[in-house]
PDB file of N, CA and C in Angstrom:
ATOM      1  N   MET A   1      67.599   3.057   1.432  1.00  0.00           N
ATOM      2  CA  MET A   1      66.100   3.656   1.491  1.00  0.00           C
ATOM      3  C   MET A   1      65.231   3.277   2.102  1.00  0.00           C
ATOM      4  N   ALA A   2      64.694   3.704   3.563  1.00  0.00           N
ATOM      5  CA  ALA A   2      63.561   2.855   3.952  1.00  0.00           C
ATOM      6  C   ALA A   2      62.575   3.170   3.436  1.00  0.00           C
ATOM      7  N   VAL A   3      61.467   2.059   3.269  1.00  0.00           N
ATOM      8  CA  VAL A   3      59.980   2.699   3.115  1.00  0.00           C
ATOM      9  C   VAL A   3      59.122   2.958   3.995  1.00  0.00           C
ATOM     10  N   MET A   4      58.521   4.079   3.980  1.00  0.00           N
ATOM     11  CA  MET A   4      57.401   4.367   5.179  1.00  0.00           C
ATOM     12  C   MET A   4      56.200   3.877   5.185  1.00  0.00           C
ATOM     13  N   PRO A   5      56.014   3.092   5.845  1.00  0.00           N
ATOM     14  CA  PRO A   5      54.338   2.124   5.738  1.00  0.00           C
ATOM     15  C   PRO A   5      53.329   3.542   5.946  1.00  0.00           C
ATOM     16  N   SER A   6      52.297   3.591   5.249  1.00  0.00           N
ATOM     17  CA  SER A   6      51.493   4.077   5.592  1.00  0.00           C
ATOM     18  C   SER A   6      49.815   3.391   6.105  1.00  0.00           C
ATOM     19  N   MET A   7      49.079   4.076   6.725  1.00  0.00           N
ATOM     20  CA  MET A   7      47.709   3.512   6.772  1.00  0.00           C
ATOM     21  C   MET A   7      46.720   4.474   7.051  1.00  0.00           C
ATOM     22  N   SER A   8      45.509   3.824   7.105  1.00  0.00           N
ATOM     23  CA  SER A   8      44.171   4.795   7.359  1.00  0.00           C
ATOM     24  C   SER A   8      43.453   3.907   8.125  1.00  0.00           C
ATOM     25  N   TRP A   9      43.116   4.913   9.421  1.00  0.00           N
ATOM     26  CA  TRP A   9      42.635   4.008  10.280  1.00  0.00           C
ATOM     27  C   TRP A   9      40.819   4.902  10.549  1.00  0.00           C
ATOM     28  N   LYS A  10      40.041   4.064  10.365  1.00  0.00           N
ATOM     29  CA  LYS A  10      38.677   4.550  10.447  1.00  0.00           C
ATOM     30  C   LYS A  10      37.815   3.417  11.203  1.00  0.00           C
ATOM     31  N   GLY A  11      37.927   3.809  12.669  1.00  0.00           N
ATOM     32  CA  GLY A  11      37.460   2.790  13.653  1.00  0.00           C
ATOM     33  C   GLY A  11      38.093   1.356  13.742  1.00  0.00           C
ATOM     34  N   ALA A  12      38.868   1.079  12.951  1.00  0.00           N
ATOM     35  CA  ALA A  12      39.249  -0.464  13.314  1.00  0.00           C
ATOM     36  C   ALA A  12      40.691  -0.369  13.815  1.00  0.00           C
ATOM     37  N   GLY A  13      41.205  -1.026  14.873  1.00  0.00           N
ATOM     38  CA  GLY A  13      42.387  -1.106  15.271  1.00  0.00           C
ATOM     39  C   GLY A  13      43.875  -1.188  14.703  1.00  0.00           C
ATOM     40  N   VAL A  14      44.925  -0.433  15.028  1.00  0.00           N
ATOM     41  CA  VAL A  14      46.182  -0.588  14.228  1.00  0.00           C
ATOM     42  C   VAL A  14      46.419  -1.945  14.768  1.00  0.00           C
ATOM     43  N   ARG A  15      47.214  -2.312  14.268  1.00  0.00           N
ATOM     44  CA  ARG A  15      47.997  -3.875  14.838  1.00  0.00           C
ATOM     45  C   ARG A  15      49.588  -3.196  15.012  1.00  0.00           C
ATOM     46  N   PRO A  16      50.448  -3.734  16.290  1.00  0.00           N
ATOM     47  CA  PRO A  16      51.706  -3.226  16.603  1.00  0.00           C
ATOM     48  C   PRO A  16      52.546  -3.265  15.512  1.00  0.00           C
ATOM     49  N   ARG A  17      53.043  -2.037  15.497  1.00  0.00           N
ATOM     50  CA  ARG A  17      54.214  -1.386  14.400  1.00  0.00           C
ATOM     51  C   ARG A  17      55.255  -2.203  14.797  1.00  0.00           C
ATOM     52  N   ALA A  18      56.371  -2.881  13.591  1.00  0.00           N
ATOM     53  CA  ALA A  18      57.557  -2.773  13.623  1.00  0.00           C
ATOM     54  C   ALA A  18      58.675  -1.590  13.973  1.00  0.00           C
ATOM     55  N   ALA A  19      59.421  -1.482  14.604  1.00  0.00           N
ATOM     56  CA  ALA A  19      60.683  -0.461  14.427  1.00  0.00           C
ATOM     57  C   ALA A  19      60.775   0.601  13.168  1.00  0.00           C
ATOM     58  N   GLY A  20      60.696   1.753  13.375  1.00  0.00           N
ATOM     59  CA  GLY A  20      60.729   2.552  12.090  1.00  0.00           C
ATOM     60  C   GLY A  20      59.849   3.902  12.444  1.00  0.00           C
ATOM     61  N   ALA A  21      60.040   4.165  11.212  1.00  0.00           N
ATOM     62  CA  ALA A  21      59.046   5.575  10.757  1.00  0.00           C
ATOM     63  C   ALA A  21      57.430   4.920  10.214  1.00  0.00           C
ATOM     64  N   CYS A  22      56.624   5.526  10.683  1.00  0.00           N
ATOM     65  CA  CYS A  22      55.110   5.034   9.948  1.00  0.00           C
ATOM     66  C   CYS A  22      54.328   6.150  10.014  1.00  0.00           C
ATOM     67  N   ALA A  23      53.158   6.238   9.165  1.00  0.00           N
ATOM     68  CA  ALA A  23      52.165   7.654   9.325  1.00  0.00           C
ATOM     69  C   ALA A  23      50.888   6.690   8.999  1.00  0.00           C
ATOM     70  N   GLY A  24      49.682   7.528   9.174  1.00  0.00           N
ATOM     71  CA  GLY A  24      48.873   7.312   9.107  1.00  0.00           C
ATOM     72  C   GLY A  24      47.756   8.614   9.095  1.00  0.00           C
ATOM     73  N   THR A  25      45.819   8.187   9.069  1.00  0.00           N
ATOM     74  CA  THR A  25      45.382   9.244   9.435  1.00  0.00           C
ATOM     75  C   THR A  25      44.223   8.581  10.350  1.00  0.00           C
ATOM     76  N   VAL A  26      44.014   9.642  11.683  1.00  0.00           N
ATOM     77  CA  VAL A  26      43.030   8.987  12.593  1.00  0.00           C
ATOM     78  C   VAL A  26      42.236  10.250  12.562  1.00  0.00           C
ATOM     79  N   GLU A  27      40.465   9.555  12.524  1.00  0.00           N
ATOM     80  CA  GLU A  27      39.812  10.612  12.932  1.00  0.00           C
ATOM     81  C   GLU A  27      39.882  12.201  12.185  1.00  0.00           C
ATOM     82  N   GLY A  28      40.110  12.198  10.764  1.00  0.00           N
ATOM     83  CA  GLY A  28      40.298  13.479  10.463  1.00  0.00           C
ATOM     84  C   GLY A  28      41.874  13.768  10.381  1.00  0.00           C
ATOM     85  N   TYR A  29      42.781  13.582  11.063  1.00  0.00           N
ATOM     86  CA  TYR A  29      44.215  14.001  11.603  1.00  0.00           C
ATOM     87  C   TYR A  29      44.992  13.264  11.003  1.00  0.00           C
ATOM     88  N   ARG A  30      46.001  13.821  10.411  1.00  0.00           N
ATOM     89  CA  ARG A  30      47.437  12.631   9.845  1.00  0.00           C
ATOM     90  C   ARG A  30      48.423  12.925  11.133  1.00  0.00           C
ATOM     91  N   TRP A  31      49.068  11.789  10.960  1.00  0.00           N
ATOM     92  CA  TRP A  31      50.148  11.601  12.016  1.00  0.00           C
ATOM     93  C   TRP A  31      51.384  10.816  11.332  1.00  0.00           C
ATOM     94  N   GLU A  32      52.115  11.193  11.953  1.00  0.00           N
ATOM     95  CA  GLU A  32      53.738  10.747  11.834  1.00  0.00           C
ATOM     96  C   GLU A  32      54.358  10.415  13.065  1.00  0.00           C
ATOM     97  N   ALA A  33      55.204   9.192  12.747  1.00  0.00           N
ATOM     98  CA  ALA A  33      55.460   8.735  14.223  1.00  0.00           C
ATOM     99  C   ALA A  33      56.921   7.848  13.916  1.00  0.00           C
ATOM    100  N   TYR A  34      57.759   7.712  14.791  1.00  0.00           N
ATOM    101  CA  TYR A  34      58.670   6.677  14.508  1.00  0.00           C
ATOM    102  C   TYR A  34      58.989   6.243  16.060  1.00  0.00           C
ATOM    103  N   LEU A  35      58.848   4.731  15.703  1.00  0.00           N
ATOM    104  CA  LEU A  35      58.785   3.794  16.782  1.00  0.00           C
ATOM    105  C   LEU A  35      60.139   3.034  16.887  1.00  0.00           C
ATOM    106  N   ALA A  36      60.949   2.803  18.139  1.00  0.00           N
ATOM    107  CA  ALA A  36      61.910   2.260  18.778  1.00  0.00           C
ATOM    108  C   ALA A  36      61.760   0.554  18.603  1.00  0.00           C
ATOM    109  N   ARG A  37      62.552  -0.316  18.559  1.00  0.00           N
ATOM    110  CA  ARG A  37      62.424  -1.699  18.834  1.00  0.00           C
ATOM    111  C   ARG A  37      61.819  -2.130  19.855  1.00  0.00           C
ATOM    112  N   GLU A  38      62.370  -1.568  21.152  1.00  0.00           N
ATOM    113  CA  GLU A  38      61.806  -2.074  22.553  1.00  0.00           C
ATOM    114  C   GLU A  38      61.646  -0.762  23.395  1.00  0.00           C
ATOM    115  N   PRO A  39      60.666  -0.895  24.570  1.00  0.00           N
ATOM    116  CA  PRO A  39      60.369   0.342  25.270  1.00  0.00           C
ATOM    117  C   PRO A  39      61.844   1.331  25.650  1.00  0.00           C
ATOM    118  N   VAL A  40      61.700   2.357  25.276  1.00  0.00           N
ATOM    119  CA  VAL A  40      63.015   3.157  25.866  1.00  0.00           C
ATOM    120  C   VAL A  40      62.537   4.102  27.027  1.00  0.00           C
ATOM    121  N   SER A  41      63.438   4.847  27.653  1.00  0.00           N
ATOM    122  CA  SER A  41      63.585   5.599  28.919  1.00  0.00           C
ATOM    123  C   SER A  41      62.704   7.073  28.473  1.00  0.00           C
ATOM    124  N   TYR A  42      63.186   7.359  27.165  1.00  0.00           N
ATOM    125  CA  TYR A  42      62.800   8.612  26.847  1.00  0.00           C
ATOM    126  C   TYR A  42      61.114   8.203  25.814  1.00  0.00           C
ATOM    127  N   GLY A  43      61.462   7.064  25.703  1.00  0.00           N
ATOM    128  CA  GLY A  43      59.701   7.123  24.680  1.00  0.00           C
ATOM    129  C   GLY A  43      58.559   7.738  25.708  1.00  0.00           C
ATOM    130  N   LEU A  44      57.278   7.721  24.747  1.00  0.00           N
ATOM    131  CA  LEU A  44      56.010   8.226  25.284  1.00  0.00           C
ATOM    132  C   LEU A  44      55.487   6.673  25.783  1.00  0.00           C
ATOM    133  N   ASN A  45      54.980   7.290  27.244  1.00  0.00           N
ATOM    134  CA  ASN A  45      54.369   6.108  28.034  1.00  0.00           C
ATOM    135  C   ASN A  45      53.097   5.593  27.521  1.00  0.00           C
ATOM    136  N   PRO A  46      52.579   4.690  27.323  1.00  0.00           N
ATOM    137  CA  PRO A  46      51.390   4.612  26.618  1.00  0.00           C
ATOM    138  C   PRO A  46      50.045   4.949  27.736  1.00  0.00           C
ATOM    139  N   GLN A  47      50.341   4.606  29.149  1.00  0.00           N
ATOM    140  CA  GLN A  47      49.512   5.136  29.998  1.00  0.00           C
ATOM    141  C   GLN A  47      49.549   6.228  30.694  1.00  0.00           C
ATOM    142  N   THR A  48      50.505   6.803  30.380  1.00  0.00           N
ATOM    143  CA  THR A  48      50.532   8.302  31.279  1.00  0.00           C
ATOM    144  C   THR A  48      50.459   9.655  29.988  1.00  0.00           C
ATOM    145  N   LEU A  49      50.597   8.924  29.155  1.00  0.00           N
ATOM    146  CA  LEU A  49      50.996  10.019  28.161  1.00  0.00           C
ATOM    147  C   LEU A  49      52.134  11.116  28.380  1.00  0.00           C
ATOM    148  N   TYR A  50      53.174  10.562  29.262  1.00  0.00           N
ATOM    149  CA  TYR A  50      54.367  11.322  29.452  1.00  0.00           C
ATOM    150  C   TYR A  50      55.347  10.700  29.165  1.00  0.00           C
ATOM    151  N   LYS A  51      56.779  11.343  29.017  1.00  0.00           N
ATOM    152  CA  LYS A  51      57.677  10.599  28.639  1.00  0.00           C
ATOM    153  C   LYS A  51      58.335   9.889  29.874  1.00  0.00           C
ATOM    154  N   GLY A  52      58.667   8.563  29.314  1.00  0.00           N
ATOM    155  CA  GLY A  52      58.788   7.400  30.210  1.00  0.00           C
ATOM    156  C   GLY A  52      58.522   5.763  29.511  1.00  0.00           C
ATOM    157  N   GLN A  53      59.631   5.158  29.425  1.00  0.00           N
ATOM    158  CA  GLN A  53      59.442   3.504  29.099  1.00  0.00           C
ATOM    159  C   GLN A  53      58.320   3.195  28.112  1.00  0.00           C
ATOM    160  N   GLY A  54      58.465   3.819  26.798  1.00  0.00           N
ATOM    161  CA  GLY A  54      57.091   3.497  25.697  1.00  0.00           C
ATOM    162  C   GLY A  54      58.364   3.642  24.403  1.00  0.00           C
ATOM    163  N   ARG A  55      57.629   2.738  23.339  1.00  0.00           N
ATOM    164  CA  ARG A  55      58.406   2.773  22.086  1.00  0.00           C
ATOM    165  C   ARG A  55      58.060   4.058  21.349  1.00  0.00           C
ATOM    166  N   ILE A  56      57.360   4.707  21.672  1.00  0.00           N
ATOM    167  CA  ILE A  56      57.319   6.186  20.157  1.00  0.00           C
ATOM    168  C   ILE A  56      58.131   6.841  20.930  1.00  0.00           C
ATOM    169  N   VAL A  57      59.040   7.446  19.777  1.00  0.00           N
ATOM    170  CA  VAL A  57      60.200   7.765  20.171  1.00  0.00           C
ATOM    171  C   VAL A  57      60.079   9.685  19.535  1.00  0.00           C
ATOM    172  N   ARG A  58      59.125   9.882  18.404  1.00  0.00           N
ATOM    173  CA  ARG A  58      58.497  10.832  17.779  1.00  0.00           C
ATOM    174  C   ARG A  58      57.460  10.865  17.813  1.00  0.00           C
ATOM    175  N   LEU A  59      56.179  11.682  17.557  1.00  0.00           N
ATOM    176  CA  LEU A  59      54.981  11.997  17.199  1.00  0.00           C
ATOM    177  C   LEU A  59      54.483  13.042  16.879  1.00  0.00           C
ATOM    178  N   GLU A  60      54.392  13.185  15.631  1.00  0.00           N
ATOM    179  CA  GLU A  60      53.183  14.584  15.205  1.00  0.00           C
ATOM    180  C   GLU A  60      51.899  14.124  14.537  1.00  0.00           C
ATOM    181  N   LEU A  61      50.953  14.905  15.321  1.00  0.00           N
ATOM    182  CA  LEU A  61      49.482  15.047  14.751  1.00  0.00           C
ATOM    183  C   LEU A  61      49.704  16.501  14.014  1.00  0.00           C
ATOM    184  N   LEU A  62      49.022  16.106  12.931  1.00  0.00           N
ATOM    185  CA  LEU A  62      48.667  17.214  11.846  1.00  0.00           C
ATOM    186  C   LEU A  62      47.035  17.192  11.483  1.00  0.00           C
ATOM    187  N   ALA A  63      46.476  18.631  11.732  1.00  0.00           N
ATOM    188  CA  ALA A  63      45.296  19.234  11.802  1.00  0.00           C
ATOM    189  C   ALA A  63      44.894  19.780   9.894  1.00  0.00           C
ATOM    190  N   PRO A  64      44.014  19.376   9.265  1.00  0.00           N
ATOM    191  CA  PRO A  64      43.928  19.811   8.207  1.00  0.00           C
ATOM    192  C   PRO A  64      43.179  21.581   8.338  1.00  0.00           C
ATOM    193  N   VAL A  65      43.942  22.674   7.545  1.00  0.00           N
ATOM    194  CA  VAL A  65      43.696  23.818   7.747  1.00  0.00           C
ATOM    195  C   VAL A  65      42.917  24.027   6.563  1.00  0.00           C
ATOM    196  N   ALA A  66      43.139  24.141   5.343  1.00  0.00           N
ATOM    197  CA  ALA A  66      42.507  24.446   3.931  1.00  0.00           C
ATOM    198  C   ALA A  66      43.134  23.848   2.818  1.00  0.00           C
ATOM    199  N   GLY A  67      42.121  23.314   2.156  1.00  0.00           N
ATOM    200  CA  GLY A  67      42.497  22.373   1.009  1.00  0.00           C
ATOM    201  C   GLY A  67      43.525  21.338   1.265  1.00  0.00           C
ATOM    202  N   ARG A  68      44.752  21.438   0.507  1.00  0.00           N
ATOM    203  CA  ARG A  68      46.142  20.598   1.058  1.00  0.00           C
ATOM    204  C   ARG A  68      47.040  20.730   1.976  1.00  0.00           C
ATOM    205  N   VAL A  69      46.817  21.905   2.967  1.00  0.00           N
ATOM    206  CA  VAL A  69      47.486  22.170   3.823  1.00  0.00           C
ATOM    207  C   VAL A  69      46.926  21.589   4.944  1.00  0.00           C
ATOM    208  N   TRP A  70      48.521  21.322   5.983  1.00  0.00           N
ATOM    209  CA  TRP A  70      48.276  20.979   7.086  1.00  0.00           C
ATOM    210  C   TRP A  70      49.162  21.953   8.470  1.00  0.00           C
ATOM    211  N   ARG A  71      48.409  21.098   9.554  1.00  0.00           N
ATOM    212  CA  ARG A  71      49.075  21.856  10.511  1.00  0.00           C
ATOM    213  C   ARG A  71      49.536  21.395  11.468  1.00  0.00           C
ATOM    214  N   ARG A  72      50.739  21.314  12.022  1.00  0.00           N
ATOM    215  CA  ARG A  72      51.056  20.762  13.555  1.00  0.00           C
ATOM    216  C   ARG A  72      50.549  20.964  14.636  1.00  0.00           C
ATOM    217  N   VAL A  73      49.831  20.121  15.080  1.00  0.00           N
ATOM    218  CA  VAL A  73      49.196  20.547  16.007  1.00  0.00           C
ATOM    219  C   VAL A  73      49.277  19.831  17.596  1.00  0.00           C
ATOM    220  N   ALA A  74      50.413  19.052  17.784  1.00  0.00           N
ATOM    221  CA  ALA A  74      50.630  18.317  18.659  1.00  0.00           C
ATOM    222  C   ALA A  74      51.952  17.659  18.216  1.00  0.00           C
ATOM    223  N   VAL A  75      53.212  17.529  18.998  1.00  0.00           N
ATOM    224  CA  VAL A  75      54.566  17.456  18.800  1.00  0.00           C
ATOM    225  C   VAL A  75      55.117  16.705  19.996  1.00  0.00           C
ATOM    226  N   TYR A  76      55.731  15.325  19.890  1.00  0.00           N
ATOM    227  CA  TYR A  76      56.440  14.763  20.931  1.00  0.00           C
ATOM    228  C   TYR A  76      57.832  14.392  19.882  1.00  0.00           C
ATOM    229  N   ASN A  77      58.713  14.856  20.900  1.00  0.00           N
ATOM    230  CA  ASN A  77      60.038  14.620  20.294  1.00  0.00           C
ATOM    231  C   ASN A  77      60.860  13.951  21.729  1.00  0.00           C
ATOM    232  N   ARG A  78      61.154  13.479  21.944  1.00  0.00           N
ATOM    233  CA  ARG A  78      61.503  12.566  23.202  1.00  0.00           C
ATOM    234  C   ARG A  78      61.383  13.777  24.204  1.00  0.00           C
ATOM    235  N   GLY A  79      59.988  14.085  24.302  1.00  0.00           N
ATOM    236  CA  GLY A  79      59.199  15.293  25.435  1.00  0.00           C
ATOM    237  C   GLY A  79      58.177  15.536  24.501  1.00  0.00           C
ATOM    238  N   TRP A  80      57.236  16.303  25.557  1.00  0.00           N
ATOM    239  CA  TRP A  80      55.945  17.181  24.582  1.00  0.00           C
ATOM    240  C   TRP A  80      56.620  18.079  24.019  1.00  0.00           C
ATOM    241  N   VAL A  81      56.693  18.949  22.856  1.00  0.00           N
ATOM    242  CA  VAL A  81      56.983  20.314  22.691  1.00  0.00           C
ATOM    243  C   VAL A  81      55.697  20.902  22.691  1.00  0.00           C
ATOM    244  N   PHE A  82      54.577  20.757  22.428  1.00  0.00           N
ATOM    245  CA  PHE A  82      53.268  21.429  22.364  1.00  0.00           C
ATOM    246  C   PHE A  82      52.134  20.317  22.016  1.00  0.00           C
ATOM    247  N   GLY A  83      50.928  20.733  22.462  1.00  0.00           N
ATOM    248  CA  GLY A  83      49.929  20.252  22.051  1.00  0.00           C
ATOM    249  C   GLY A  83      49.265  19.403  22.863  1.00  0.00           C
ATOM    250  N   ARG A  84      49.910  18.832  23.563  1.00  0.00           N
ATOM    251  CA  ARG A  84      49.012  17.535  24.507  1.00  0.00           C
ATOM    252  C   ARG A  84      47.956  17.519  24.878  1.00  0.00           C
ATOM    253  N   LYS A  85      47.458  18.621  25.574  1.00  0.00           N
ATOM    254  CA  LYS A  85      46.309  18.877  26.272  1.00  0.00           C
ATOM    255  C   LYS A  85      45.016  19.092  25.195  1.00  0.00           C
ATOM    256  N   ALA A  86      45.394  19.659  24.343  1.00  0.00           N
ATOM    257  CA  ALA A  86      44.518  20.219  22.951  1.00  0.00           C
ATOM    258  C   ALA A  86      43.592  18.988  22.803  1.00  0.00           C
ATOM    259  N   TYR A  87      44.438  18.138  22.571  1.00  0.00           N
ATOM    260  CA  TYR A  87      44.071  16.824  21.853  1.00  0.00           C
ATOM    261  C   TYR A  87      44.384  15.589  22.197  1.00  0.00           C
ATOM    262  N   LEU A  88      43.787  15.424  23.488  1.00  0.00           N
ATOM    263  CA  LEU A  88      44.610  14.665  24.107  1.00  0.00           C
ATOM    264  C   LEU A  88      43.538  13.170  24.239  1.00  0.00           C
ATOM    265  N   PRO A  89      42.428  13.212  23.483  1.00  0.00           N
ATOM    266  CA  PRO A  89      41.608  11.784  23.233  1.00  0.00           C
ATOM    267  C   PRO A  89      41.834  11.088  22.385  1.00  0.00           C
ATOM    268  N   VAL A  90      42.435  12.320  21.033  1.00  0.00           N
ATOM    269  CA  VAL A  90      42.968  11.647  19.706  1.00  0.00           C
ATOM    270  C   VAL A  90      44.472  10.993  19.909  1.00  0.00           C
ATOM    271  N   LEU A  91      45.156  11.586  20.918  1.00  0.00           N
ATOM    272  CA  LEU A  91      46.197  11.416  21.089  1.00  0.00           C
ATOM    273  C   LEU A  91      46.388   9.981  21.977  1.00  0.00           C
ATOM    274  N   ALA A  92      45.361   9.808  22.631  1.00  0.00           N
ATOM    275  CA  ALA A  92      45.418   8.713  23.641  1.00  0.00           C
ATOM    276  C   ALA A  92      45.359   7.311  22.930  1.00  0.00           C
ATOM    277  N   ARG A  93      44.122   7.351  21.946  1.00  0.00           N
ATOM    278  CA  ARG A  93      43.734   6.637  21.250  1.00  0.00           C
ATOM    279  C   ARG A  93      44.713   5.883  20.478  1.00  0.00           C
ATOM    280  N   LEU A  94      45.670   7.249  19.498  1.00  0.00           N
ATOM    281  CA  LEU A  94      46.830   6.608  18.699  1.00  0.00           C
ATOM    282  C   LEU A  94      47.750   6.035  19.540  1.00  0.00           C
ATOM    283  N   VAL A  95      47.866   6.359  20.495  1.00  0.00           N
ATOM    284  CA  VAL A  95      49.307   5.733  21.034  1.00  0.00           C
ATOM    285  C   VAL A  95      49.196   4.556  21.839  1.00  0.00           C
ATOM    286  N   ARG A  96      47.829   4.352  22.271  1.00  0.00           N
ATOM    287  CA  ARG A  96      47.200   2.877  23.077  1.00  0.00           C
ATOM    288  C   ARG A  96      47.575   1.727  21.609  1.00  0.00           C
ATOM    289  N   GLU A  97      47.327   2.531  20.672  1.00  0.00           N
ATOM    290  CA  GLU A  97      47.424   1.401  19.605  1.00  0.00           C
ATOM    291  C   GLU A  97      48.741   1.459  18.898  1.00  0.00           C
ATOM    292  N   LEU A  98      49.719   2.181  18.676  1.00  0.00           N
ATOM    293  CA  LEU A  98      50.908   2.111  18.106  1.00  0.00           C
ATOM    294  C   LEU A  98      51.597   1.590  19.227  1.00  0.00           C
ATOM    295  N   ASP A  99      51.734   1.694  20.377  1.00  0.00           N
ATOM    296  CA  ASP A  99      52.364   1.203  21.364  1.00  0.00           C
ATOM    297  C   ASP A  99      52.252  -0.332  21.612  1.00  0.00           C
ATOM    298  N   GLY A 100      51.054  -0.702  21.449  1.00  0.00           N
ATOM    299  CA  GLY A 100      50.509  -1.972  21.334  1.00  0.00           C
ATOM    300  C   GLY A 100      51.199  -3.125  22.030  1.00  0.00           C
TER     301      GLY A 100
END
């Protein structure tokens, strides 16, 4: 059984992650991601934030709704499913740090 690492990020940089699942918080949002060992053709490109040559294969950004309820606001799964434009600044920062 794999252990899912977790981290909290409040202004500090995120160290490049090893391959596998990871999760954390950024600017009041929760995120969950799956990273490949090497950049892959269907990964999220850190420069363009579109599909192509990146390590991030899956990424979900969740926003708090009420109490302990979280809502998915952006999802990338080998291509953008929804939410890229509305949360672009947060996603750009997160992707740059994760793909490092």
